[in-house]
Amino acid sequence: MADGVQWGLVSKIISRFEEKGFILKALKLLQIHRSFALQHYADLVGKPFFDGLIDYVTSDLVIAMVWYGRGAILTGCKMLRVTKPTNSNPGTIRGDYGVRGGGLGGD
């Protein structure tokens, strides 16, 4: 959520999840270390975007959140959807707020 922090969208994004009925159980502002990012995205090693993804997620502060509620994972995936905003539907977080390259802005 680096873009969300940079662009002042944190409260809007949190509101989207709360409006769906999910309960925010934990929230932490942190800098992701490269070693953690490499482990977290290990399933994407070899993809053409991998190095850029690692550089991006470790480049600035992010907010990690834990949401609770029935269907939180599936619904969260639908709300975020496609990484590239030009391919994301209006009404999704990336479709509404993703306006430039990187994270919410996707490539």
PDB file of N, CA and C in Angstrom:
ATOM      1  N   MET A   1       0.819  -1.182   0.000  1.00  0.00           N
ATOM      2  CA  MET A   1       0.000   0.000   0.000  1.00  0.00           C
ATOM      3  C   MET A   1       0.864   1.247   0.000  1.00  0.00           C
ATOM      4  N   ALA A   2       2.023   1.167  -0.593  1.00  0.00           N
ATOM      5  CA  ALA A   2       2.925   2.316  -0.641  1.00  0.00           C
ATOM      6  C   ALA A   2       2.269   3.498  -1.338  1.00  0.00           C
ATOM      7  N   ASP A   3       1.598   3.259  -2.454  1.00  0.00           N
ATOM      8  CA  ASP A   3       0.922   4.357  -3.152  1.00  0.00           C
ATOM      9  C   ASP A   3      -0.165   4.963  -2.282  1.00  0.00           C
ATOM     10  N   GLY A   4      -0.892   4.129  -1.571  1.00  0.00           N
ATOM     11  CA  GLY A   4      -1.953   4.618  -0.699  1.00  0.00           C
ATOM     12  C   GLY A   4      -1.421   5.532   0.382  1.00  0.00           C
ATOM     13  N   VAL A   5      -0.247   5.229   0.903  1.00  0.00           N
ATOM     14  CA  VAL A   5       0.390   6.087   1.911  1.00  0.00           C
ATOM     15  C   VAL A   5       0.831   7.390   1.260  1.00  0.00           C
ATOM     16  N   GLN A   6       1.536   7.294   0.135  1.00  0.00           N
ATOM     17  CA  GLN A   6       2.045   8.483  -0.551  1.00  0.00           C
ATOM     18  C   GLN A   6       0.932   9.418  -0.993  1.00  0.00           C
ATOM     19  N   TRP A   7      -0.178   8.878  -1.439  1.00  0.00           N
ATOM     20  CA  TRP A   7      -1.244   9.688  -2.025  1.00  0.00           C
ATOM     21  C   TRP A   7      -2.342  10.056  -1.039  1.00  0.00           C
ATOM     22  N   GLY A   8      -2.183   9.668   0.246  1.00  0.00           N
ATOM     23  CA  GLY A   8      -3.179  10.010   1.256  1.00  0.00           C
ATOM     24  C   GLY A   8      -4.504   9.279   1.077  1.00  0.00           C
ATOM     25  N   LEU A   9      -4.445   8.022   0.649  1.00  0.00           N
ATOM     26  CA  LEU A   9      -5.656   7.242   0.392  1.00  0.00           C
ATOM     27  C   LEU A   9      -5.963   6.213   1.477  1.00  0.00           C
ATOM     28  N   VAL A  10      -5.170   6.184   2.538  1.00  0.00           N
ATOM     29  CA  VAL A  10      -5.305   5.138   3.547  1.00  0.00           C
ATOM     30  C   VAL A  10      -6.721   5.091   4.124  1.00  0.00           C
ATOM     31  N   SER A  11      -7.246   6.231   4.536  1.00  0.00           N
ATOM     32  CA  SER A  11      -8.580   6.232   5.150  1.00  0.00           C
ATOM     33  C   SER A  11      -9.656   5.806   4.154  1.00  0.00           C
ATOM     34  N   LYS A  12      -9.522   6.183   2.889  1.00  0.00           N
ATOM     35  CA  LYS A  12     -10.501   5.778   1.873  1.00  0.00           C
ATOM     36  C   LYS A  12     -10.471   4.271   1.648  1.00  0.00           C
ATOM     37  N   ILE A  13      -9.273   3.713   1.626  1.00  0.00           N
ATOM     38  CA  ILE A  13      -9.143   2.272   1.411  1.00  0.00           C
ATOM     39  C   ILE A  13      -9.676   1.503   2.608  1.00  0.00           C
ATOM     40  N   ILE A  14      -9.358   1.965   3.806  1.00  0.00           N
ATOM     41  CA  ILE A  14      -9.895   1.331   5.017  1.00  0.00           C
ATOM     42  C   ILE A  14     -11.425   1.393   4.993  1.00  0.00           C
ATOM     43  N   SER A  15     -11.964   2.532   4.621  1.00  0.00           N
ATOM     44  CA  SER A  15     -13.426   2.682   4.562  1.00  0.00           C
ATOM     45  C   SER A  15     -14.066   1.679   3.618  1.00  0.00           C
ATOM     46  N   ARG A  16     -13.416   1.404   2.504  1.00  0.00           N
ATOM     47  CA  ARG A  16     -13.962   0.436   1.543  1.00  0.00           C
ATOM     48  C   ARG A  16     -14.153  -0.936   2.203  1.00  0.00           C
ATOM     49  N   PHE A  17     -13.154  -1.362   2.977  1.00  0.00           N
ATOM     50  CA  PHE A  17     -13.255  -2.657   3.648  1.00  0.00           C
ATOM     51  C   PHE A  17     -14.296  -2.624   4.765  1.00  0.00           C
ATOM     52  N   GLU A  18     -14.337  -1.532   5.510  1.00  0.00           N
ATOM     53  CA  GLU A  18     -15.329  -1.411   6.590  1.00  0.00           C
ATOM     54  C   GLU A  18     -16.745  -1.394   6.027  1.00  0.00           C
ATOM     55  N   GLU A  19     -16.943  -0.745   4.896  1.00  0.00           N
ATOM     56  CA  GLU A  19     -18.265  -0.699   4.266  1.00  0.00           C
ATOM     57  C   GLU A  19     -18.736  -2.076   3.818  1.00  0.00           C
ATOM     58  N   LYS A  20     -17.786  -2.970   3.574  1.00  0.00           N
ATOM     59  CA  LYS A  20     -18.130  -4.350   3.217  1.00  0.00           C
ATOM     60  C   LYS A  20     -18.430  -5.193   4.460  1.00  0.00           C
ATOM     61  N   GLY A  21     -18.260  -4.597   5.639  1.00  0.00           N
ATOM     62  CA  GLY A  21     -18.573  -5.301   6.877  1.00  0.00           C
ATOM     63  C   GLY A  21     -17.394  -5.990   7.535  1.00  0.00           C
ATOM     64  N   PHE A  22     -16.192  -5.764   7.043  1.00  0.00           N
ATOM     65  CA  PHE A  22     -15.021  -6.389   7.638  1.00  0.00           C
ATOM     66  C   PHE A  22     -14.529  -5.579   8.831  1.00  0.00           C
ATOM     67  N   ILE A  23     -13.871  -6.260   9.749  1.00  0.00           N
ATOM     68  CA  ILE A  23     -13.358  -5.642  10.970  1.00  0.00           C
ATOM     69  C   ILE A  23     -11.844  -5.578  10.885  1.00  0.00           C
ATOM     70  N   LEU A  24     -11.296  -4.394  11.071  1.00  0.00           N
ATOM     71  CA  LEU A  24      -9.844  -4.204  11.059  1.00  0.00           C
ATOM     72  C   LEU A  24      -9.287  -4.703  12.383  1.00  0.00           C
ATOM     73  N   LYS A  25      -8.477  -5.757  12.323  1.00  0.00           N
ATOM     74  CA  LYS A  25      -7.920  -6.373  13.533  1.00  0.00           C
ATOM     75  C   LYS A  25      -6.509  -5.892  13.835  1.00  0.00           C
ATOM     76  N   ALA A  26      -5.767  -5.481  12.804  1.00  0.00           N
ATOM     77  CA  ALA A  26      -4.395  -5.012  13.017  1.00  0.00           C
ATOM     78  C   ALA A  26      -3.998  -4.107  11.866  1.00  0.00           C
ATOM     79  N   LEU A  27      -3.141  -3.141  12.192  1.00  0.00           N
ATOM     80  CA  LEU A  27      -2.640  -2.199  11.203  1.00  0.00           C
ATOM     81  C   LEU A  27      -1.245  -1.799  11.649  1.00  0.00           C
ATOM     82  N   LYS A  28      -0.318  -1.800  10.699  1.00  0.00           N
ATOM     83  CA  LYS A  28       1.063  -1.470  11.046  1.00  0.00           C
ATOM     84  C   LYS A  28       1.719  -0.728   9.889  1.00  0.00           C
ATOM     85  N   LEU A  29       2.323   0.406  10.200  1.00  0.00           N
ATOM     86  CA  LEU A  29       3.117   1.159   9.236  1.00  0.00           C
ATOM     87  C   LEU A  29       4.537   0.620   9.316  1.00  0.00           C
ATOM     88  N   LEU A  30       5.092   0.203   8.184  1.00  0.00           N
ATOM     89  CA  LEU A  30       6.421  -0.382   8.219  1.00  0.00           C
ATOM     90  C   LEU A  30       7.160  -0.195   6.910  1.00  0.00           C
ATOM     91  N   GLN A  31       8.446  -0.397   6.991  1.00  0.00           N
ATOM     92  CA  GLN A  31       9.315  -0.453   5.811  1.00  0.00           C
ATOM     93  C   GLN A  31       9.614  -1.926   5.584  1.00  0.00           C
ATOM     94  N   ILE A  32       9.287  -2.437   4.425  1.00  0.00           N
ATOM     95  CA  ILE A  32       9.532  -3.850   4.128  1.00  0.00           C
ATOM     96  C   ILE A  32      10.996  -4.030   3.754  1.00  0.00           C
ATOM     97  N   HIS A  33      11.641  -4.976   4.419  1.00  0.00           N
ATOM     98  CA  HIS A  33      13.041  -5.271   4.124  1.00  0.00           C
ATOM     99  C   HIS A  33      13.119  -6.195   2.907  1.00  0.00           C
ATOM    100  N   ARG A  34      14.170  -6.043   2.160  1.00  0.00           N
ATOM    101  CA  ARG A  34      14.346  -6.812   0.924  1.00  0.00           C
ATOM    102  C   ARG A  34      14.251  -8.318   1.172  1.00  0.00           C
ATOM    103  N   SER A  35      14.860  -8.817   2.246  1.00  0.00           N
ATOM    104  CA  SER A  35      14.837 -10.256   2.529  1.00  0.00           C
ATOM    105  C   SER A  35      13.406 -10.759   2.734  1.00  0.00           C
ATOM    106  N   PHE A  36      12.572  -9.964   3.397  1.00  0.00           N
ATOM    107  CA  PHE A  36      11.175 -10.344   3.596  1.00  0.00           C
ATOM    108  C   PHE A  36      10.429 -10.342   2.264  1.00  0.00           C
ATOM    109  N   ALA A  37      10.640  -9.312   1.458  1.00  0.00           N
ATOM    110  CA  ALA A  37       9.964  -9.212   0.161  1.00  0.00           C
ATOM    111  C   ALA A  37      10.334 -10.397  -0.737  1.00  0.00           C
ATOM    112  N   LEU A  38      11.599 -10.767  -0.744  1.00  0.00           N
ATOM    113  CA  LEU A  38      12.043 -11.897  -1.565  1.00  0.00           C
ATOM    114  C   LEU A  38      11.354 -13.183  -1.136  1.00  0.00           C
ATOM    115  N   GLN A  39      11.196 -13.369   0.162  1.00  0.00           N
ATOM    116  CA  GLN A  39      10.521 -14.559   0.676  1.00  0.00           C
ATOM    117  C   GLN A  39       9.015 -14.495   0.388  1.00  0.00           C
ATOM    118  N   HIS A  40       8.406 -13.343   0.615  1.00  0.00           N
ATOM    119  CA  HIS A  40       6.966 -13.178   0.445  1.00  0.00           C
ATOM    120  C   HIS A  40       6.531 -13.402  -1.009  1.00  0.00           C
ATOM    121  N   TYR A  41       7.345 -12.942  -1.944  1.00  0.00           N
ATOM    122  CA  TYR A  41       7.010 -13.053  -3.369  1.00  0.00           C
ATOM    123  C   TYR A  41       7.803 -14.157  -4.076  1.00  0.00           C
ATOM    124  N   ALA A  42       8.274 -15.145  -3.331  1.00  0.00           N
ATOM    125  CA  ALA A  42       9.102 -16.215  -3.893  1.00  0.00           C
ATOM    126  C   ALA A  42       8.405 -16.956  -5.040  1.00  0.00           C
ATOM    127  N   ASP A  43       7.080 -17.037  -4.998  1.00  0.00           N
ATOM    128  CA  ASP A  43       6.355 -17.742  -6.055  1.00  0.00           C
ATOM    129  C   ASP A  43       6.390 -16.992  -7.386  1.00  0.00           C
ATOM    130  N   LEU A  44       6.869 -15.749  -7.375  1.00  0.00           N
ATOM    131  CA  LEU A  44       6.918 -14.945  -8.592  1.00  0.00           C
ATOM    132  C   LEU A  44       8.322 -14.829  -9.188  1.00  0.00           C
ATOM    133  N   VAL A  45       9.293 -15.490  -8.567  1.00  0.00           N
ATOM    134  CA  VAL A  45      10.669 -15.458  -9.079  1.00  0.00           C
ATOM    135  C   VAL A  45      10.660 -15.921 -10.536  1.00  0.00           C
ATOM    136  N   GLY A  46      11.383 -15.194 -11.370  1.00  0.00           N
ATOM    137  CA  GLY A  46      11.464 -15.536 -12.783  1.00  0.00           C
ATOM    138  C   GLY A  46      10.473 -14.791 -13.655  1.00  0.00           C
ATOM    139  N   LYS A  47       9.492 -14.157 -13.039  1.00  0.00           N
ATOM    140  CA  LYS A  47       8.540 -13.361 -13.816  1.00  0.00           C
ATOM    141  C   LYS A  47       9.239 -12.077 -14.258  1.00  0.00           C
ATOM    142  N   PRO A  48       8.885 -11.527 -15.402  1.00  0.00           N
ATOM    143  CA  PRO A  48       9.585 -10.341 -15.909  1.00  0.00           C
ATOM    144  C   PRO A  48       9.459  -9.115 -14.999  1.00  0.00           C
ATOM    145  N   PHE A  49       8.425  -9.060 -14.183  1.00  0.00           N
ATOM    146  CA  PHE A  49       8.196  -7.907 -13.313  1.00  0.00           C
ATOM    147  C   PHE A  49       8.769  -8.084 -11.912  1.00  0.00           C
ATOM    148  N   PHE A  50       9.383  -9.246 -11.623  1.00  0.00           N
ATOM    149  CA  PHE A  50       9.797  -9.580 -10.259  1.00  0.00           C
ATOM    150  C   PHE A  50      10.753  -8.551  -9.647  1.00  0.00           C
ATOM    151  N   ASP A  51      11.824  -8.228 -10.340  1.00  0.00           N
ATOM    152  CA  ASP A  51      12.806  -7.284  -9.779  1.00  0.00           C
ATOM    153  C   ASP A  51      12.177  -5.920  -9.499  1.00  0.00           C
ATOM    154  N   GLY A  52      11.337  -5.450 -10.412  1.00  0.00           N
ATOM    155  CA  GLY A  52      10.664  -4.175 -10.212  1.00  0.00           C
ATOM    156  C   GLY A  52       9.705  -4.211  -9.029  1.00  0.00           C
ATOM    157  N   LEU A  53       9.023  -5.337  -8.853  1.00  0.00           N
ATOM    158  CA  LEU A  53       8.117  -5.505  -7.722  1.00  0.00           C
ATOM    159  C   LEU A  53       8.878  -5.419  -6.398  1.00  0.00           C
ATOM    160  N   ILE A  54       9.988  -6.131  -6.316  1.00  0.00           N
ATOM    161  CA  ILE A  54      10.795  -6.119  -5.092  1.00  0.00           C
ATOM    162  C   ILE A  54      11.321  -4.710  -4.815  1.00  0.00           C
ATOM    163  N   ASP A  55      11.830  -4.058  -5.849  1.00  0.00           N
ATOM    164  CA  ASP A  55      12.313  -2.676  -5.679  1.00  0.00           C
ATOM    165  C   ASP A  55      11.191  -1.764  -5.208  1.00  0.00           C
ATOM    166  N   TYR A  56      10.011  -1.934  -5.786  1.00  0.00           N
ATOM    167  CA  TYR A  56       8.881  -1.077  -5.453  1.00  0.00           C
ATOM    168  C   TYR A  56       8.430  -1.250  -4.005  1.00  0.00           C
ATOM    169  N   VAL A  57       8.183  -2.490  -3.592  1.00  0.00           N
ATOM    170  CA  VAL A  57       7.622  -2.701  -2.248  1.00  0.00           C
ATOM    171  C   VAL A  57       8.614  -2.372  -1.144  1.00  0.00           C
ATOM    172  N   THR A  58       9.890  -2.311  -1.479  1.00  0.00           N
ATOM    173  CA  THR A  58      10.890  -1.970  -0.465  1.00  0.00           C
ATOM    174  C   THR A  58      11.308  -0.501  -0.534  1.00  0.00           C
ATOM    175  N   SER A  59      10.706   0.272  -1.431  1.00  0.00           N
ATOM    176  CA  SER A  59      11.161   1.646  -1.676  1.00  0.00           C
ATOM    177  C   SER A  59      10.579   2.681  -0.721  1.00  0.00           C
ATOM    178  N   ASP A  60       9.492   2.371  -0.030  1.00  0.00           N
ATOM    179  CA  ASP A  60       8.832   3.367   0.804  1.00  0.00           C
ATOM    180  C   ASP A  60       8.040   2.658   1.899  1.00  0.00           C
ATOM    181  N   LEU A  61       7.448   3.440   2.775  1.00  0.00           N
ATOM    182  CA  LEU A  61       6.612   2.882   3.826  1.00  0.00           C
ATOM    183  C   LEU A  61       5.350   2.262   3.247  1.00  0.00           C
ATOM    184  N   VAL A  62       4.876   1.218   3.894  1.00  0.00           N
ATOM    185  CA  VAL A  62       3.615   0.580   3.528  1.00  0.00           C
ATOM    186  C   VAL A  62       2.781   0.411   4.795  1.00  0.00           C
ATOM    187  N   ILE A  63       1.507   0.196   4.611  1.00  0.00           N
ATOM    188  CA  ILE A  63       0.632  -0.142   5.725  1.00  0.00           C
ATOM    189  C   ILE A  63       0.141  -1.557   5.498  1.00  0.00           C
ATOM    190  N   ALA A  64       0.450  -2.423   6.450  1.00  0.00           N
ATOM    191  CA  ALA A  64      -0.032  -3.803   6.421  1.00  0.00           C
ATOM    192  C   ALA A  64      -1.284  -3.862   7.289  1.00  0.00           C
ATOM    193  N   MET A  65      -2.308  -4.540   6.798  1.00  0.00           N
ATOM    194  CA  MET A  65      -3.567  -4.633   7.535  1.00  0.00           C
ATOM    195  C   MET A  65      -4.034  -6.074   7.623  1.00  0.00           C
ATOM    196  N   VAL A  66      -4.722  -6.394   8.708  1.00  0.00           N
ATOM    197  CA  VAL A  66      -5.361  -7.689   8.895  1.00  0.00           C
ATOM    198  C   VAL A  66      -6.854  -7.422   9.041  1.00  0.00           C
ATOM    199  N   TRP A  67      -7.626  -8.026   8.144  1.00  0.00           N
ATOM    200  CA  TRP A  67      -9.074  -7.849   8.135  1.00  0.00           C
ATOM    201  C   TRP A  67      -9.748  -9.144   8.529  1.00  0.00           C
ATOM    202  N   TYR A  68     -10.841  -9.029   9.278  1.00  0.00           N
ATOM    203  CA  TYR A  68     -11.594 -10.185   9.748  1.00  0.00           C
ATOM    204  C   TYR A  68     -13.018 -10.119   9.222  1.00  0.00           C
ATOM    205  N   GLY A  69     -13.522 -11.264   8.806  1.00  0.00           N
ATOM    206  CA  GLY A  69     -14.912 -11.364   8.399  1.00  0.00           C
ATOM    207  C   GLY A  69     -15.091 -12.456   7.364  1.00  0.00           C
ATOM    208  N   ARG A  70     -16.312 -12.925   7.239  1.00  0.00           N
ATOM    209  CA  ARG A  70     -16.632 -13.997   6.291  1.00  0.00           C
ATOM    210  C   ARG A  70     -16.301 -13.550   4.871  1.00  0.00           C
ATOM    211  N   GLY A  71     -15.443 -14.315   4.206  1.00  0.00           N
ATOM    212  CA  GLY A  71     -15.086 -14.031   2.824  1.00  0.00           C
ATOM    213  C   GLY A  71     -14.105 -12.881   2.648  1.00  0.00           C
ATOM    214  N   ALA A  72     -13.385 -12.532   3.713  1.00  0.00           N
ATOM    215  CA  ALA A  72     -12.479 -11.370   3.652  1.00  0.00           C
ATOM    216  C   ALA A  72     -11.427 -11.512   2.551  1.00  0.00           C
ATOM    217  N   ILE A  73     -10.861 -12.674   2.385  1.00  0.00           N
ATOM    218  CA  ILE A  73      -9.800 -12.853   1.387  1.00  0.00           C
ATOM    219  C   ILE A  73     -10.373 -12.757  -0.026  1.00  0.00           C
ATOM    220  N   LEU A  74     -11.412 -13.508  -0.300  1.00  0.00           N
ATOM    221  CA  LEU A  74     -12.007 -13.497  -1.637  1.00  0.00           C
ATOM    222  C   LEU A  74     -12.548 -12.107  -1.980  1.00  0.00           C
ATOM    223  N   THR A  75     -13.239 -11.491  -1.047  1.00  0.00           N
ATOM    224  CA  THR A  75     -13.800 -10.162  -1.301  1.00  0.00           C
ATOM    225  C   THR A  75     -12.690  -9.134  -1.463  1.00  0.00           C
ATOM    226  N   GLY A  76     -11.647  -9.233  -0.623  1.00  0.00           N
ATOM    227  CA  GLY A  76     -10.509  -8.313  -0.741  1.00  0.00           C
ATOM    228  C   GLY A  76      -9.854  -8.418  -2.110  1.00  0.00           C
ATOM    229  N   CYS A  77      -9.701  -9.635  -2.603  1.00  0.00           N
ATOM    230  CA  CYS A  77      -9.125  -9.821  -3.951  1.00  0.00           C
ATOM    231  C   CYS A  77     -10.005  -9.180  -5.010  1.00  0.00           C
ATOM    232  N   LYS A  78     -11.308  -9.325  -4.883  1.00  0.00           N
ATOM    233  CA  LYS A  78     -12.225  -8.710  -5.846  1.00  0.00           C
ATOM    234  C   LYS A  78     -12.163  -7.190  -5.767  1.00  0.00           C
ATOM    235  N   MET A  79     -12.022  -6.661  -4.552  1.00  0.00           N
ATOM    236  CA  MET A  79     -11.982  -5.206  -4.372  1.00  0.00           C
ATOM    237  C   MET A  79     -10.702  -4.612  -4.956  1.00  0.00           C
ATOM    238  N   LEU A  80      -9.605  -5.342  -4.872  1.00  0.00           N
ATOM    239  CA  LEU A  80      -8.326  -4.849  -5.390  1.00  0.00           C
ATOM    240  C   LEU A  80      -8.196  -5.150  -6.873  1.00  0.00           C
ATOM    241  N   ARG A  81      -8.533  -6.359  -7.246  1.00  0.00           N
ATOM    242  CA  ARG A  81      -8.533  -6.843  -8.611  1.00  0.00           C
ATOM    243  C   ARG A  81      -7.210  -6.722  -9.338  1.00  0.00           C
ATOM    244  N   VAL A  82      -7.281  -6.464 -10.596  1.00  0.00           N
ATOM    245  CA  VAL A  82      -6.129  -6.431 -11.488  1.00  0.00           C
ATOM    246  C   VAL A  82      -5.151  -5.341 -11.044  1.00  0.00           C
ATOM    247  N   THR A  83      -3.854  -5.611 -11.144  1.00  0.00           N
ATOM    248  CA  THR A  83      -2.845  -4.653 -10.712  1.00  0.00           C
ATOM    249  C   THR A  83      -2.826  -3.398 -11.563  1.00  0.00           C
ATOM    250  N   LYS A  84      -2.998  -3.550 -12.852  1.00  0.00           N
ATOM    251  CA  LYS A  84      -2.925  -2.397 -13.759  1.00  0.00           C
ATOM    252  C   LYS A  84      -4.272  -1.667 -13.782  1.00  0.00           C
ATOM    253  N   PRO A  85      -4.294  -0.390 -13.368  1.00  0.00           N
ATOM    254  CA  PRO A  85      -5.573   0.312 -13.261  1.00  0.00           C
ATOM    255  C   PRO A  85      -6.338   0.431 -14.572  1.00  0.00           C
ATOM    256  N   THR A  86      -5.637   0.495 -15.682  1.00  0.00           N
ATOM    257  CA  THR A  86      -6.346   0.595 -16.952  1.00  0.00           C
ATOM    258  C   THR A  86      -7.103  -0.692 -17.271  1.00  0.00           C
ATOM    259  N   ASN A  87      -6.762  -1.790 -16.594  1.00  0.00           N
ATOM    260  CA  ASN A  87      -7.469  -3.058 -16.761  1.00  0.00           C
ATOM    261  C   ASN A  87      -8.425  -3.333 -15.608  1.00  0.00           C
ATOM    262  N   SER A  88      -8.502  -2.420 -14.627  1.00  0.00           N
ATOM    263  CA  SER A  88      -9.347  -2.602 -13.454  1.00  0.00           C
ATOM    264  C   SER A  88     -10.679  -1.906 -13.645  1.00  0.00           C
ATOM    265  N   ASN A  89     -11.726  -2.546 -13.192  1.00  0.00           N
ATOM    266  CA  ASN A  89     -13.066  -1.986 -13.313  1.00  0.00           C
ATOM    267  C   ASN A  89     -13.297  -0.834 -12.341  1.00  0.00           C
ATOM    268  N   PRO A  90     -14.070   0.165 -12.744  1.00  0.00           N
ATOM    269  CA  PRO A  90     -14.493   1.194 -11.799  1.00  0.00           C
ATOM    270  C   PRO A  90     -15.209   0.520 -10.625  1.00  0.00           C
ATOM    271  N   GLY A  91     -15.017   1.051  -9.458  1.00  0.00           N
ATOM    272  CA  GLY A  91     -15.601   0.448  -8.266  1.00  0.00           C
ATOM    273  C   GLY A  91     -14.617  -0.407  -7.498  1.00  0.00           C
ATOM    274  N   THR A  92     -13.532  -0.839  -8.174  1.00  0.00           N
ATOM    275  CA  THR A  92     -12.473  -1.537  -7.459  1.00  0.00           C
ATOM    276  C   THR A  92     -11.500  -0.482  -6.934  1.00  0.00           C
ATOM    277  N   ILE A  93     -10.714  -0.846  -5.945  1.00  0.00           N
ATOM    278  CA  ILE A  93      -9.766   0.110  -5.368  1.00  0.00           C
ATOM    279  C   ILE A  93      -8.776   0.583  -6.422  1.00  0.00           C
ATOM    280  N   ARG A  94      -8.185  -0.330  -7.167  1.00  0.00           N
ATOM    281  CA  ARG A  94      -7.231   0.074  -8.207  1.00  0.00           C
ATOM    282  C   ARG A  94      -7.919   0.791  -9.360  1.00  0.00           C
ATOM    283  N   GLY A  95      -9.126   0.377  -9.687  1.00  0.00           N
ATOM    284  CA  GLY A  95      -9.854   1.036 -10.757  1.00  0.00           C
ATOM    285  C   GLY A  95     -10.205   2.476 -10.423  1.00  0.00           C
ATOM    286  N   ASP A  96     -10.460   2.747  -9.150  1.00  0.00           N
ATOM    287  CA  ASP A  96     -10.834   4.095  -8.731  1.00  0.00           C
ATOM    288  C   ASP A  96      -9.645   4.969  -8.349  1.00  0.00           C
ATOM    289  N   TYR A  97      -8.619   4.367  -7.748  1.00  0.00           N
ATOM    290  CA  TYR A  97      -7.520   5.167  -7.203  1.00  0.00           C
ATOM    291  C   TYR A  97      -6.180   4.959  -7.898  1.00  0.00           C
ATOM    292  N   GLY A  98      -6.020   3.908  -8.675  1.00  0.00           N
ATOM    293  CA  GLY A  98      -4.743   3.635  -9.325  1.00  0.00           C
ATOM    294  C   GLY A  98      -4.570   4.499 -10.554  1.00  0.00           C
ATOM    295  N   VAL A  99      -3.744   5.523 -10.455  1.00  0.00           N
ATOM    296  CA  VAL A  99      -3.634   6.471 -11.567  1.00  0.00           C
ATOM    297  C   VAL A  99      -2.265   6.544 -12.192  1.00  0.00           C
ATOM    298  N   ARG A 100      -1.267   5.898 -11.597  1.00  0.00           N
ATOM    299  CA  ARG A 100       0.082   5.951 -12.190  1.00  0.00           C
ATOM    300  C   ARG A 100       0.841   4.678 -11.840  1.00  0.00           C
ATOM    301  N   GLY A 101       2.060   4.534 -12.368  1.00  0.00           N
ATOM    302  CA  GLY A 101       2.842   3.303 -12.232  1.00  0.00           C
ATOM    303  C   GLY A 101       3.132   2.900 -10.807  1.00  0.00           C
ATOM    304  N   GLY A 102       3.383   1.601 -10.615  1.00  0.00           N
ATOM    305  CA  GLY A 102       3.684   1.051  -9.313  1.00  0.00           C
ATOM    306  C   GLY A 102       2.427   0.579  -8.598  1.00  0.00           C
ATOM    307  N   GLY A 103       2.600  -0.234  -7.554  1.00  0.00           N
ATOM    308  CA  GLY A 103       1.554  -0.725  -6.661  1.00  0.00           C
ATOM    309  C   GLY A 103       0.128  -0.535  -7.113  1.00  0.00           C
ATOM    310  N   LEU A 104      -0.611   0.377  -6.492  1.00  0.00           N
ATOM    311  CA  LEU A 104      -1.990   0.623  -6.893  1.00  0.00           C
ATOM    312  C   LEU A 104      -2.056   1.042  -8.340  1.00  0.00           C
ATOM    313  N   GLY A 105      -0.998   1.696  -8.798  1.00  0.00           N
ATOM    314  CA  GLY A 105      -0.972   2.167 -10.186  1.00  0.00           C
ATOM    315  C   GLY A 105      -0.573   1.097 -11.168  1.00  0.00           C
ATOM    316  N   GLY A 106       0.056   0.039 -10.687  1.00  0.00           N
ATOM    317  CA  GLY A 106       0.417  -1.138 -11.473  1.00  0.00           C
ATOM    318  C   GLY A 106       1.020  -0.906 -12.846  1.00  0.00           C
ATOM    319  N   ASP A 107       1.641  -1.914 -13.365  1.00  0.00           N
ATOM    320  CA  ASP A 107       2.216  -1.883 -14.712  1.00  0.00           C
ATOM    321  C   ASP A 107       1.828  -3.121 -15.476  1.00  0.00           C
TER     322      ASP A 107
END
